[in-house]
N, C-alpha and C. Protein backbone atom coordinates (compact mmCIF):
# COMPACT_ATOMS: atom_id res chain seq x y z
N UNK A 1 -6.38 32.91 -41.10
CA UNK A 1 -7.12 32.82 -39.83
C UNK A 1 -7.83 31.49 -39.73
N UNK A 2 -8.60 31.14 -40.80
CA UNK A 2 -9.34 29.87 -40.75
C UNK A 2 -8.39 28.68 -40.70
N UNK A 3 -7.20 28.85 -41.32
CA UNK A 3 -6.23 27.77 -41.27
C UNK A 3 -5.73 27.55 -39.86
N UNK A 4 -5.52 28.65 -39.12
CA UNK A 4 -5.05 28.55 -37.73
C UNK A 4 -6.11 27.88 -36.87
N UNK A 5 -7.39 28.30 -37.06
CA UNK A 5 -8.48 27.71 -36.30
C UNK A 5 -8.59 26.22 -36.59
N UNK A 6 -8.47 25.87 -37.88
CA UNK A 6 -8.59 24.46 -38.25
C UNK A 6 -7.47 23.63 -37.63
N UNK A 7 -6.24 24.15 -37.65
CA UNK A 7 -5.11 23.43 -37.06
C UNK A 7 -5.26 23.30 -35.54
N UNK A 8 -5.77 24.38 -34.91
CA UNK A 8 -5.99 24.33 -33.47
C UNK A 8 -7.02 23.28 -33.11
N UNK A 9 -8.10 23.23 -33.88
CA UNK A 9 -9.15 22.23 -33.65
C UNK A 9 -8.60 20.82 -33.82
N UNK A 10 -7.76 20.65 -34.85
CA UNK A 10 -7.17 19.33 -35.08
C UNK A 10 -6.27 18.93 -33.91
N UNK A 11 -5.51 19.93 -33.39
CA UNK A 11 -4.62 19.65 -32.26
C UNK A 11 -5.41 19.28 -31.02
N UNK A 12 -6.52 20.02 -30.79
CA UNK A 12 -7.35 19.72 -29.63
C UNK A 12 -7.99 18.35 -29.75
N UNK A 13 -8.40 17.99 -30.97
CA UNK A 13 -8.99 16.68 -31.18
C UNK A 13 -7.98 15.58 -30.92
N UNK A 14 -6.74 15.79 -31.40
CA UNK A 14 -5.67 14.80 -31.18
C UNK A 14 -5.36 14.67 -29.71
N UNK A 15 -5.28 15.83 -29.01
CA UNK A 15 -4.99 15.79 -27.57
C UNK A 15 -6.07 15.06 -26.82
N UNK A 16 -7.33 15.31 -27.19
CA UNK A 16 -8.45 14.63 -26.53
C UNK A 16 -8.42 13.14 -26.77
N UNK A 17 -8.09 12.75 -28.00
CA UNK A 17 -8.02 11.33 -28.34
C UNK A 17 -6.91 10.65 -27.54
N UNK A 18 -5.74 11.31 -27.46
CA UNK A 18 -4.64 10.73 -26.69
C UNK A 18 -5.00 10.60 -25.22
N UNK A 19 -5.70 11.60 -24.69
CA UNK A 19 -6.12 11.54 -23.29
C UNK A 19 -7.07 10.39 -23.06
N UNK A 20 -8.00 10.18 -23.96
CA UNK A 20 -8.95 9.08 -23.83
C UNK A 20 -8.23 7.75 -23.91
N UNK A 21 -7.27 7.64 -24.85
CA UNK A 21 -6.51 6.40 -24.98
C UNK A 21 -5.71 6.12 -23.72
N UNK A 22 -5.11 7.19 -23.15
CA UNK A 22 -4.33 7.02 -21.93
C UNK A 22 -5.20 6.56 -20.79
N UNK A 23 -6.37 7.19 -20.64
CA UNK A 23 -7.30 6.80 -19.58
C UNK A 23 -7.77 5.36 -19.77
N UNK A 24 -8.04 5.01 -21.03
CA UNK A 24 -8.48 3.65 -21.31
C UNK A 24 -7.42 2.63 -20.99
N UNK A 25 -6.15 2.97 -21.29
CA UNK A 25 -5.05 2.05 -20.99
C UNK A 25 -4.89 1.87 -19.49
N UNK A 26 -5.02 2.95 -18.73
CA UNK A 26 -4.91 2.85 -17.29
C UNK A 26 -6.03 2.00 -16.72
N UNK A 27 -7.25 2.22 -17.24
CA UNK A 27 -8.39 1.44 -16.75
C UNK A 27 -8.22 -0.03 -17.08
N UNK A 28 -7.67 -0.30 -18.29
CA UNK A 28 -7.49 -1.69 -18.69
C UNK A 28 -6.46 -2.39 -17.81
N UNK A 29 -5.46 -1.63 -17.31
CA UNK A 29 -4.42 -2.25 -16.49
C UNK A 29 -4.80 -2.30 -15.01
N UNK A 30 -5.94 -1.71 -14.67
CA UNK A 30 -6.36 -1.71 -13.27
C UNK A 30 -6.54 -3.13 -12.77
N UNK A 31 -6.01 -3.42 -11.60
CA UNK A 31 -6.14 -4.75 -11.04
C UNK A 31 -6.28 -4.64 -9.53
N UNK A 32 -7.21 -5.42 -8.99
CA UNK A 32 -7.52 -5.36 -7.57
C UNK A 32 -7.34 -6.75 -6.94
N UNK A 33 -6.74 -6.76 -5.76
CA UNK A 33 -6.55 -8.02 -5.05
C UNK A 33 -7.90 -8.57 -4.62
N UNK A 34 -8.09 -9.86 -4.83
CA UNK A 34 -9.34 -10.52 -4.47
C UNK A 34 -9.27 -10.97 -3.01
N UNK A 35 -10.16 -10.43 -2.18
CA UNK A 35 -10.14 -10.77 -0.77
C UNK A 35 -11.22 -11.78 -0.43
N UNK A 36 -10.99 -12.51 0.67
CA UNK A 36 -11.92 -13.55 1.07
C UNK A 36 -12.45 -13.31 2.47
N UNK A 37 -12.52 -14.39 3.22
CA UNK A 37 -13.13 -14.35 4.54
C UNK A 37 -12.22 -13.66 5.56
N UNK A 38 -12.85 -13.28 6.67
CA UNK A 38 -12.09 -12.72 7.79
C UNK A 38 -11.10 -13.78 8.28
N UNK A 39 -9.92 -13.33 8.67
CA UNK A 39 -8.87 -14.26 9.06
C UNK A 39 -8.15 -13.76 10.31
N UNK A 40 -7.13 -14.47 10.72
CA UNK A 40 -6.41 -14.13 11.96
C UNK A 40 -5.68 -12.79 11.82
N UNK A 41 -5.58 -12.10 12.94
CA UNK A 41 -4.88 -10.82 12.98
C UNK A 41 -3.42 -11.09 13.36
N UNK A 42 -2.48 -10.51 12.64
CA UNK A 42 -1.07 -10.73 13.01
C UNK A 42 -0.79 -10.30 14.44
N UNK A 43 0.01 -11.08 15.14
CA UNK A 43 0.35 -10.74 16.52
C UNK A 43 0.99 -9.35 16.59
N UNK A 44 1.82 -9.04 15.61
CA UNK A 44 2.50 -7.76 15.61
C UNK A 44 1.54 -6.58 15.60
N UNK A 45 0.43 -6.72 14.88
CA UNK A 45 -0.57 -5.65 14.83
C UNK A 45 -1.29 -5.55 16.18
N UNK A 46 -1.64 -6.69 16.77
CA UNK A 46 -2.30 -6.68 18.07
C UNK A 46 -1.41 -6.03 19.13
N UNK A 47 -0.14 -6.36 19.11
CA UNK A 47 0.80 -5.79 20.07
C UNK A 47 0.97 -4.29 19.82
N UNK A 48 1.05 -3.90 18.55
CA UNK A 48 1.15 -2.48 18.18
C UNK A 48 -0.06 -1.71 18.71
N UNK A 49 -1.25 -2.27 18.54
CA UNK A 49 -2.47 -1.60 18.98
C UNK A 49 -2.56 -1.51 20.50
N UNK A 50 -1.97 -2.47 21.20
CA UNK A 50 -1.95 -2.41 22.66
C UNK A 50 -1.10 -1.25 23.15
N UNK A 51 -0.09 -0.88 22.35
CA UNK A 51 0.80 0.22 22.72
C UNK A 51 0.36 1.55 22.11
N UNK A 52 -0.37 1.48 21.00
CA UNK A 52 -0.82 2.69 20.29
C UNK A 52 -2.33 2.59 20.06
N UNK A 53 -3.08 2.56 21.14
CA UNK A 53 -4.53 2.34 21.02
C UNK A 53 -5.20 3.38 20.12
N UNK A 54 -4.72 4.61 20.17
CA UNK A 54 -5.31 5.66 19.35
C UNK A 54 -5.09 5.49 17.87
N UNK A 55 -4.14 4.64 17.49
CA UNK A 55 -3.85 4.39 16.08
C UNK A 55 -4.70 3.25 15.51
N UNK A 56 -5.49 2.62 16.34
CA UNK A 56 -6.22 1.42 15.92
C UNK A 56 -7.71 1.54 16.23
N UNK A 57 -8.41 2.46 15.59
CA UNK A 57 -9.85 2.60 15.85
C UNK A 57 -10.61 1.35 15.43
N UNK A 58 -11.52 0.93 16.28
CA UNK A 58 -12.32 -0.28 16.00
C UNK A 58 -13.72 0.15 15.56
N UNK A 59 -13.77 0.90 14.46
CA UNK A 59 -15.05 1.36 13.95
C UNK A 59 -15.16 1.05 12.47
N UNK A 60 -16.37 1.09 11.96
CA UNK A 60 -16.63 0.72 10.58
C UNK A 60 -16.79 1.99 9.73
N UNK A 61 -16.06 2.04 8.62
CA UNK A 61 -16.20 3.11 7.64
C UNK A 61 -16.42 2.50 6.27
N UNK A 62 -17.11 3.21 5.42
CA UNK A 62 -17.34 2.72 4.06
C UNK A 62 -16.03 2.72 3.28
N UNK A 63 -15.80 1.73 2.41
CA UNK A 63 -14.59 1.73 1.58
C UNK A 63 -14.45 3.04 0.81
N UNK A 64 -13.22 3.50 0.69
CA UNK A 64 -12.98 4.79 0.03
C UNK A 64 -11.64 4.76 -0.69
N UNK A 65 -11.59 4.19 -1.89
CA UNK A 65 -10.33 4.16 -2.63
C UNK A 65 -9.89 5.57 -3.01
N UNK A 66 -8.60 5.73 -3.19
CA UNK A 66 -8.04 7.00 -3.60
C UNK A 66 -8.33 7.23 -5.08
N UNK A 67 -8.80 8.40 -5.41
CA UNK A 67 -9.05 8.74 -6.81
C UNK A 67 -7.70 8.80 -7.53
N UNK A 68 -7.54 7.92 -8.51
CA UNK A 68 -6.27 7.84 -9.23
C UNK A 68 -6.02 9.11 -10.02
N UNK A 69 -4.84 9.69 -9.84
CA UNK A 69 -4.46 10.88 -10.60
C UNK A 69 -2.94 10.99 -10.56
N UNK A 70 -2.34 11.70 -11.53
CA UNK A 70 -0.89 11.89 -11.49
C UNK A 70 -0.43 12.55 -10.20
N UNK A 71 -1.18 13.52 -9.70
CA UNK A 71 -0.80 14.20 -8.47
C UNK A 71 -0.80 13.24 -7.27
N UNK A 72 -1.86 12.42 -7.16
CA UNK A 72 -1.93 11.47 -6.05
C UNK A 72 -0.77 10.48 -6.12
N UNK A 73 -0.48 9.99 -7.31
CA UNK A 73 0.59 9.01 -7.44
C UNK A 73 1.95 9.64 -7.16
N UNK A 74 2.13 10.91 -7.50
CA UNK A 74 3.39 11.58 -7.16
C UNK A 74 3.57 11.64 -5.65
N UNK A 75 2.50 11.97 -4.92
CA UNK A 75 2.58 12.01 -3.47
C UNK A 75 2.89 10.64 -2.88
N UNK A 76 2.23 9.64 -3.40
CA UNK A 76 2.42 8.28 -2.89
C UNK A 76 3.86 7.81 -3.16
N UNK A 77 4.36 8.07 -4.35
CA UNK A 77 5.73 7.67 -4.68
C UNK A 77 6.74 8.45 -3.84
N UNK A 78 6.46 9.72 -3.59
CA UNK A 78 7.38 10.53 -2.79
C UNK A 78 7.48 10.01 -1.36
N UNK A 79 6.36 9.63 -0.77
CA UNK A 79 6.37 9.07 0.58
C UNK A 79 7.13 7.75 0.60
N UNK A 80 6.88 6.90 -0.38
CA UNK A 80 7.58 5.61 -0.45
C UNK A 80 9.09 5.82 -0.52
N UNK A 81 9.51 6.74 -1.40
CA UNK A 81 10.94 6.99 -1.57
C UNK A 81 11.55 7.61 -0.32
N UNK A 82 10.84 8.53 0.30
CA UNK A 82 11.37 9.21 1.49
C UNK A 82 11.60 8.22 2.63
N UNK A 83 10.61 7.40 2.91
CA UNK A 83 10.74 6.45 4.02
C UNK A 83 11.82 5.42 3.72
N UNK A 84 11.84 4.91 2.50
CA UNK A 84 12.87 3.94 2.14
C UNK A 84 14.27 4.52 2.27
N UNK A 85 14.38 5.80 1.97
CA UNK A 85 15.69 6.46 1.99
C UNK A 85 16.15 6.81 3.40
N UNK A 86 15.23 7.15 4.28
CA UNK A 86 15.61 7.71 5.59
C UNK A 86 15.63 6.69 6.72
N UNK A 87 15.00 5.53 6.54
CA UNK A 87 14.98 4.52 7.60
C UNK A 87 16.06 3.48 7.33
N UNK A 88 16.86 3.21 8.35
CA UNK A 88 17.91 2.20 8.23
C UNK A 88 17.33 0.82 8.50
N UNK A 89 17.53 -0.14 7.57
CA UNK A 89 16.98 -1.47 7.80
C UNK A 89 17.71 -2.22 8.90
N UNK A 90 16.95 -2.74 9.86
CA UNK A 90 17.52 -3.54 10.95
C UNK A 90 16.44 -4.51 11.42
N UNK A 91 16.84 -5.72 11.75
CA UNK A 91 15.87 -6.74 12.17
C UNK A 91 15.32 -6.41 13.55
N UNK A 92 14.13 -6.94 13.84
CA UNK A 92 13.53 -6.73 15.16
C UNK A 92 14.40 -7.34 16.26
N UNK A 93 15.04 -8.45 15.97
CA UNK A 93 15.89 -9.06 16.99
C UNK A 93 17.06 -8.15 17.34
N UNK A 94 17.69 -7.54 16.33
CA UNK A 94 18.80 -6.63 16.59
C UNK A 94 18.31 -5.31 17.19
N UNK A 95 17.10 -4.91 16.81
CA UNK A 95 16.56 -3.63 17.23
C UNK A 95 15.94 -3.69 18.63
N UNK A 96 15.07 -4.71 18.83
CA UNK A 96 14.28 -4.77 20.06
C UNK A 96 14.59 -5.99 20.92
N UNK A 97 15.33 -6.95 20.35
CA UNK A 97 15.61 -8.17 21.09
C UNK A 97 14.47 -9.17 21.06
N UNK A 98 13.54 -9.00 20.10
CA UNK A 98 12.42 -9.93 19.93
C UNK A 98 12.31 -10.28 18.44
N UNK A 99 11.60 -11.38 18.16
CA UNK A 99 11.50 -11.83 16.77
C UNK A 99 10.68 -10.87 15.91
N UNK A 100 9.57 -10.37 16.47
CA UNK A 100 8.67 -9.55 15.66
C UNK A 100 8.03 -8.46 16.53
N UNK A 101 8.29 -7.21 16.20
CA UNK A 101 7.65 -6.10 16.89
C UNK A 101 7.33 -5.00 15.88
N UNK A 102 6.05 -4.65 15.79
CA UNK A 102 5.61 -3.59 14.87
C UNK A 102 5.67 -2.26 15.61
N UNK A 103 6.32 -1.28 15.00
CA UNK A 103 6.45 0.01 15.65
C UNK A 103 6.81 1.07 14.60
N UNK A 104 6.67 2.33 14.99
CA UNK A 104 7.12 3.41 14.13
C UNK A 104 8.64 3.54 14.27
N UNK A 105 9.34 3.74 13.17
CA UNK A 105 10.81 3.86 13.23
C UNK A 105 11.25 5.25 13.68
N UNK A 106 10.85 5.63 14.88
CA UNK A 106 11.13 6.98 15.37
C UNK A 106 12.61 7.23 15.61
N UNK A 107 13.39 6.15 15.76
CA UNK A 107 14.83 6.31 15.94
C UNK A 107 15.58 6.14 14.63
N UNK A 108 14.82 6.09 13.51
CA UNK A 108 15.45 5.98 12.20
C UNK A 108 15.82 4.57 11.80
N UNK A 109 15.33 3.56 12.57
CA UNK A 109 15.65 2.17 12.27
C UNK A 109 14.37 1.34 12.27
N UNK A 110 14.35 0.27 11.47
CA UNK A 110 13.18 -0.59 11.47
C UNK A 110 13.26 -1.64 10.39
N UNK A 111 12.26 -2.54 10.40
CA UNK A 111 12.17 -3.51 9.31
C UNK A 111 10.85 -3.31 8.58
N UNK A 112 10.45 -4.28 7.78
CA UNK A 112 9.41 -4.07 6.77
C UNK A 112 8.12 -3.45 7.30
N UNK A 113 7.59 -3.99 8.41
CA UNK A 113 6.31 -3.47 8.89
C UNK A 113 6.45 -2.05 9.45
N UNK A 114 7.64 -1.71 9.94
CA UNK A 114 7.86 -0.36 10.47
C UNK A 114 7.87 0.67 9.33
N UNK A 115 8.49 0.30 8.22
CA UNK A 115 8.44 1.15 7.03
C UNK A 115 6.97 1.36 6.61
N UNK A 116 6.22 0.26 6.56
CA UNK A 116 4.84 0.33 6.10
C UNK A 116 3.98 1.18 7.03
N UNK A 117 4.20 1.03 8.34
CA UNK A 117 3.44 1.83 9.31
C UNK A 117 3.73 3.32 9.15
N UNK A 118 4.99 3.66 8.93
CA UNK A 118 5.35 5.06 8.77
C UNK A 118 4.74 5.63 7.49
N UNK A 119 4.77 4.87 6.42
CA UNK A 119 4.17 5.33 5.16
C UNK A 119 2.66 5.54 5.33
N UNK A 120 2.04 4.61 6.03
CA UNK A 120 0.60 4.72 6.29
C UNK A 120 0.29 6.00 7.05
N UNK A 121 1.05 6.25 8.10
CA UNK A 121 0.80 7.44 8.92
C UNK A 121 1.04 8.72 8.12
N UNK A 122 2.12 8.77 7.33
CA UNK A 122 2.42 9.96 6.55
C UNK A 122 1.35 10.23 5.50
N UNK A 123 0.86 9.18 4.86
CA UNK A 123 -0.16 9.37 3.84
C UNK A 123 -1.50 9.80 4.46
N UNK A 124 -1.82 9.28 5.64
CA UNK A 124 -3.04 9.73 6.32
C UNK A 124 -2.92 11.21 6.70
N UNK A 125 -1.74 11.60 7.18
CA UNK A 125 -1.53 13.01 7.52
C UNK A 125 -1.62 13.90 6.29
N UNK A 126 -1.30 13.35 5.13
CA UNK A 126 -1.39 14.10 3.87
C UNK A 126 -2.82 14.17 3.35
N UNK A 127 -3.76 13.51 4.03
CA UNK A 127 -5.16 13.60 3.66
C UNK A 127 -5.75 12.40 2.96
N UNK A 128 -4.95 11.35 2.77
CA UNK A 128 -5.47 10.14 2.14
C UNK A 128 -6.29 9.34 3.16
N UNK A 129 -7.37 8.69 2.72
CA UNK A 129 -8.24 7.98 3.67
C UNK A 129 -7.61 6.70 4.20
N UNK A 130 -7.83 6.45 5.47
CA UNK A 130 -7.26 5.24 6.09
C UNK A 130 -7.79 3.98 5.42
N UNK A 131 -9.04 4.03 4.90
CA UNK A 131 -9.63 2.84 4.29
C UNK A 131 -8.86 2.37 3.06
N UNK A 132 -8.03 3.24 2.49
CA UNK A 132 -7.26 2.90 1.29
C UNK A 132 -5.82 2.55 1.60
N UNK A 133 -5.43 2.60 2.88
CA UNK A 133 -4.04 2.38 3.27
C UNK A 133 -3.98 1.16 4.18
N UNK A 134 -3.67 0.02 3.60
CA UNK A 134 -3.89 -1.26 4.26
C UNK A 134 -2.59 -2.02 4.52
N UNK A 135 -2.30 -2.27 5.79
CA UNK A 135 -1.18 -3.13 6.14
C UNK A 135 -1.44 -4.52 5.58
N UNK A 136 -0.42 -5.11 4.99
CA UNK A 136 -0.60 -6.36 4.24
C UNK A 136 0.55 -7.32 4.51
N UNK A 137 0.22 -8.58 4.70
CA UNK A 137 1.22 -9.64 4.91
C UNK A 137 1.34 -10.46 3.63
N UNK A 138 2.59 -10.69 3.21
CA UNK A 138 2.86 -11.47 2.01
C UNK A 138 3.95 -12.50 2.33
N UNK A 139 4.14 -13.41 1.39
CA UNK A 139 5.26 -14.35 1.48
C UNK A 139 6.21 -14.09 0.32
N UNK A 140 7.49 -14.12 0.63
CA UNK A 140 8.49 -14.05 -0.43
C UNK A 140 8.59 -15.42 -1.11
N UNK A 141 9.34 -15.49 -2.19
CA UNK A 141 9.45 -16.74 -2.94
C UNK A 141 10.01 -17.88 -2.09
N UNK A 142 10.85 -17.55 -1.11
CA UNK A 142 11.42 -18.58 -0.24
C UNK A 142 10.52 -18.92 0.93
N UNK A 143 9.34 -18.30 1.00
CA UNK A 143 8.38 -18.59 2.06
C UNK A 143 8.47 -17.67 3.27
N UNK A 144 9.49 -16.80 3.30
CA UNK A 144 9.63 -15.88 4.43
C UNK A 144 8.48 -14.88 4.45
N UNK A 145 8.06 -14.49 5.66
CA UNK A 145 7.02 -13.49 5.79
C UNK A 145 7.56 -12.09 5.57
N UNK A 146 6.73 -11.22 5.04
CA UNK A 146 7.13 -9.85 4.72
C UNK A 146 5.88 -8.98 4.82
N UNK A 147 6.05 -7.72 5.16
CA UNK A 147 4.92 -6.80 5.26
C UNK A 147 5.11 -5.63 4.30
N UNK A 148 4.02 -5.22 3.67
CA UNK A 148 4.02 -4.07 2.77
C UNK A 148 2.78 -3.24 3.05
N UNK A 149 2.71 -2.07 2.45
CA UNK A 149 1.50 -1.25 2.52
C UNK A 149 0.80 -1.32 1.17
N UNK A 150 -0.46 -1.77 1.19
CA UNK A 150 -1.26 -1.79 -0.03
C UNK A 150 -2.10 -0.52 -0.08
N UNK A 151 -2.03 0.17 -1.20
CA UNK A 151 -2.77 1.41 -1.39
C UNK A 151 -3.84 1.18 -2.45
N UNK A 152 -5.08 1.31 -2.04
CA UNK A 152 -6.20 1.08 -2.96
C UNK A 152 -6.54 2.38 -3.68
N UNK A 153 -6.53 2.32 -5.02
CA UNK A 153 -6.96 3.45 -5.82
C UNK A 153 -8.08 3.00 -6.74
N UNK A 154 -8.67 3.95 -7.41
CA UNK A 154 -9.75 3.62 -8.35
C UNK A 154 -9.22 2.90 -9.58
N UNK A 155 -7.91 2.87 -9.76
CA UNK A 155 -7.31 2.19 -10.91
C UNK A 155 -6.42 1.03 -10.49
N UNK A 156 -6.66 0.48 -9.31
CA UNK A 156 -5.92 -0.70 -8.91
C UNK A 156 -5.30 -0.59 -7.53
N UNK A 157 -4.81 -1.73 -7.04
CA UNK A 157 -4.16 -1.82 -5.73
C UNK A 157 -2.65 -1.76 -5.93
N UNK A 158 -2.02 -0.75 -5.34
CA UNK A 158 -0.58 -0.55 -5.48
C UNK A 158 0.14 -0.95 -4.19
N UNK A 159 1.40 -1.33 -4.32
CA UNK A 159 2.18 -1.80 -3.19
C UNK A 159 3.36 -0.88 -2.93
N UNK A 160 3.48 -0.45 -1.68
CA UNK A 160 4.64 0.32 -1.20
C UNK A 160 5.49 -0.63 -0.38
N UNK A 161 6.73 -0.82 -0.80
CA UNK A 161 7.58 -1.88 -0.28
C UNK A 161 8.95 -1.32 0.07
N UNK A 162 9.46 -1.64 1.24
CA UNK A 162 10.79 -1.15 1.60
C UNK A 162 11.90 -1.82 0.81
N UNK A 163 11.59 -2.91 0.11
CA UNK A 163 12.59 -3.60 -0.70
C UNK A 163 12.59 -3.15 -2.16
N UNK A 164 11.75 -2.16 -2.47
CA UNK A 164 11.67 -1.68 -3.85
C UNK A 164 11.40 -0.19 -3.88
N UNK A 165 12.09 0.51 -4.78
CA UNK A 165 11.84 1.94 -4.96
C UNK A 165 10.62 2.19 -5.83
N UNK A 166 10.18 1.17 -6.55
CA UNK A 166 9.02 1.32 -7.43
C UNK A 166 7.72 1.11 -6.65
N UNK A 167 6.70 1.88 -7.03
CA UNK A 167 5.35 1.65 -6.54
C UNK A 167 4.64 0.87 -7.65
N UNK A 168 4.36 -0.40 -7.39
CA UNK A 168 3.84 -1.28 -8.44
C UNK A 168 2.45 -1.80 -8.10
N UNK A 169 1.72 -2.18 -9.14
CA UNK A 169 0.47 -2.88 -8.91
C UNK A 169 0.76 -4.18 -8.17
N UNK A 170 -0.17 -4.60 -7.35
CA UNK A 170 0.08 -5.76 -6.47
C UNK A 170 0.46 -7.01 -7.24
N UNK A 171 -0.14 -7.21 -8.43
CA UNK A 171 0.15 -8.44 -9.18
C UNK A 171 1.42 -8.34 -10.01
N UNK A 172 2.14 -7.21 -9.91
CA UNK A 172 3.42 -7.06 -10.58
C UNK A 172 4.58 -7.24 -9.60
N UNK A 173 4.27 -7.61 -8.37
CA UNK A 173 5.29 -7.87 -7.36
C UNK A 173 5.61 -9.37 -7.34
N UNK A 174 6.72 -9.77 -6.72
CA UNK A 174 7.09 -11.19 -6.70
C UNK A 174 6.48 -11.98 -5.54
N UNK A 175 5.46 -11.44 -4.88
CA UNK A 175 4.99 -12.01 -3.63
C UNK A 175 3.73 -12.86 -3.78
N UNK A 176 3.56 -13.76 -2.80
CA UNK A 176 2.30 -14.48 -2.61
C UNK A 176 1.55 -13.74 -1.51
N UNK A 177 0.42 -13.13 -1.85
CA UNK A 177 -0.31 -12.33 -0.88
C UNK A 177 -1.12 -13.23 0.04
N UNK A 178 -1.07 -12.92 1.34
CA UNK A 178 -1.68 -13.76 2.36
C UNK A 178 -2.92 -13.10 2.96
N UNK A 179 -2.76 -11.91 3.51
CA UNK A 179 -3.89 -11.23 4.15
C UNK A 179 -3.59 -9.74 4.30
N UNK A 180 -4.64 -8.99 4.55
CA UNK A 180 -4.48 -7.55 4.74
C UNK A 180 -5.61 -7.03 5.63
N UNK A 181 -5.48 -5.78 6.03
CA UNK A 181 -6.55 -5.15 6.78
C UNK A 181 -7.79 -4.99 5.91
N UNK A 182 -8.94 -5.07 6.56
CA UNK A 182 -10.20 -4.77 5.88
C UNK A 182 -10.25 -3.29 5.55
N UNK A 183 -10.88 -2.95 4.44
CA UNK A 183 -11.05 -1.53 4.10
C UNK A 183 -11.94 -0.82 5.12
N UNK A 184 -12.91 -1.54 5.65
CA UNK A 184 -13.89 -0.92 6.54
C UNK A 184 -13.36 -0.72 7.96
N UNK A 185 -12.54 -1.68 8.43
CA UNK A 185 -12.11 -1.65 9.83
C UNK A 185 -10.67 -2.17 9.91
N UNK A 186 -9.72 -1.34 10.35
CA UNK A 186 -8.33 -1.78 10.39
C UNK A 186 -8.06 -2.88 11.41
N UNK A 187 -9.01 -3.12 12.32
CA UNK A 187 -8.85 -4.18 13.32
C UNK A 187 -9.40 -5.52 12.84
N UNK A 188 -9.89 -5.54 11.60
CA UNK A 188 -10.34 -6.78 10.97
C UNK A 188 -9.40 -7.07 9.80
N UNK A 189 -8.96 -8.32 9.69
CA UNK A 189 -8.08 -8.72 8.60
C UNK A 189 -8.78 -9.75 7.74
N UNK A 190 -8.53 -9.70 6.43
CA UNK A 190 -9.17 -10.62 5.49
C UNK A 190 -8.10 -11.31 4.65
N UNK A 191 -8.43 -12.52 4.21
CA UNK A 191 -7.49 -13.29 3.40
C UNK A 191 -7.44 -12.72 1.98
N UNK A 192 -6.35 -13.02 1.29
CA UNK A 192 -6.18 -12.59 -0.10
C UNK A 192 -5.90 -13.82 -0.95
N UNK A 193 -6.73 -14.01 -1.98
CA UNK A 193 -6.50 -15.11 -2.90
C UNK A 193 -6.79 -16.47 -2.28
N UNK A 194 -6.17 -17.50 -2.88
CA UNK A 194 -6.38 -18.87 -2.41
C UNK A 194 -5.80 -19.04 -1.01
N UNK A 195 -6.41 -19.89 -0.18
CA UNK A 195 -5.92 -20.08 1.19
C UNK A 195 -4.47 -20.55 1.22
N UNK A 196 -3.70 -20.03 2.16
CA UNK A 196 -2.32 -20.44 2.37
C UNK A 196 -1.97 -20.19 3.82
N UNK A 197 -1.01 -20.94 4.34
CA UNK A 197 -0.60 -20.75 5.72
C UNK A 197 0.08 -19.39 5.88
N UNK A 198 -0.32 -18.65 6.91
CA UNK A 198 0.29 -17.35 7.18
C UNK A 198 1.67 -17.56 7.79
N UNK A 199 2.63 -16.70 7.49
CA UNK A 199 3.95 -16.81 8.15
C UNK A 199 3.83 -16.51 9.62
N UNK A 200 4.71 -17.11 10.42
CA UNK A 200 4.68 -16.87 11.87
C UNK A 200 4.99 -15.42 12.21
N UNK A 201 5.83 -14.81 11.41
CA UNK A 201 6.19 -13.41 11.63
C UNK A 201 6.69 -12.83 10.31
N UNK A 202 6.81 -11.48 10.29
CA UNK A 202 7.32 -10.82 9.10
C UNK A 202 8.66 -10.18 9.43
N UNK A 203 9.53 -10.07 8.43
CA UNK A 203 10.86 -9.51 8.65
C UNK A 203 11.32 -8.80 7.39
N UNK A 204 12.53 -8.28 7.42
CA UNK A 204 13.16 -7.55 6.31
C UNK A 204 12.56 -6.16 6.14
């Protein structure tokens, strides 16, 4: 009997130690994008808000990152995979006849910002706070503009990207981050990192 109790205690101690080590490793890998001053709002977002005024509240809320947990990350990854799988990639020029138009891919077609908008809407409907779901403009290595959804958690800023099935920390992506929505107000955009020229439009 005492041997069983002793072994159980040892197992519980080992499990607790492993849990602490795992939590410590996650905390150590946490990384957050450094934001700067208020900056220009992408034309695509302004045009989107003119057509979907109810989707663009101009009010201030306190920052509210998502509490990092396996369950939350499973939901986030599932939404990323679902949207990437179900939306057919097509350029705005082929889709709408214009260079850049942000919209929901209600007809099953869209480019980068449309994927990001749909993921944002699905995650908000799932109960995640809007303050943690931030439309973000980046540059690819060749300088082309691209849009992703940045998801702020207590253990770092993650990126949902239509060009990748993985949900990765922002600094593990191949992009130069330019600007994103403010956590407090989606109608305010802030710069990310060192100053750089914003792309004229986003695509892909």
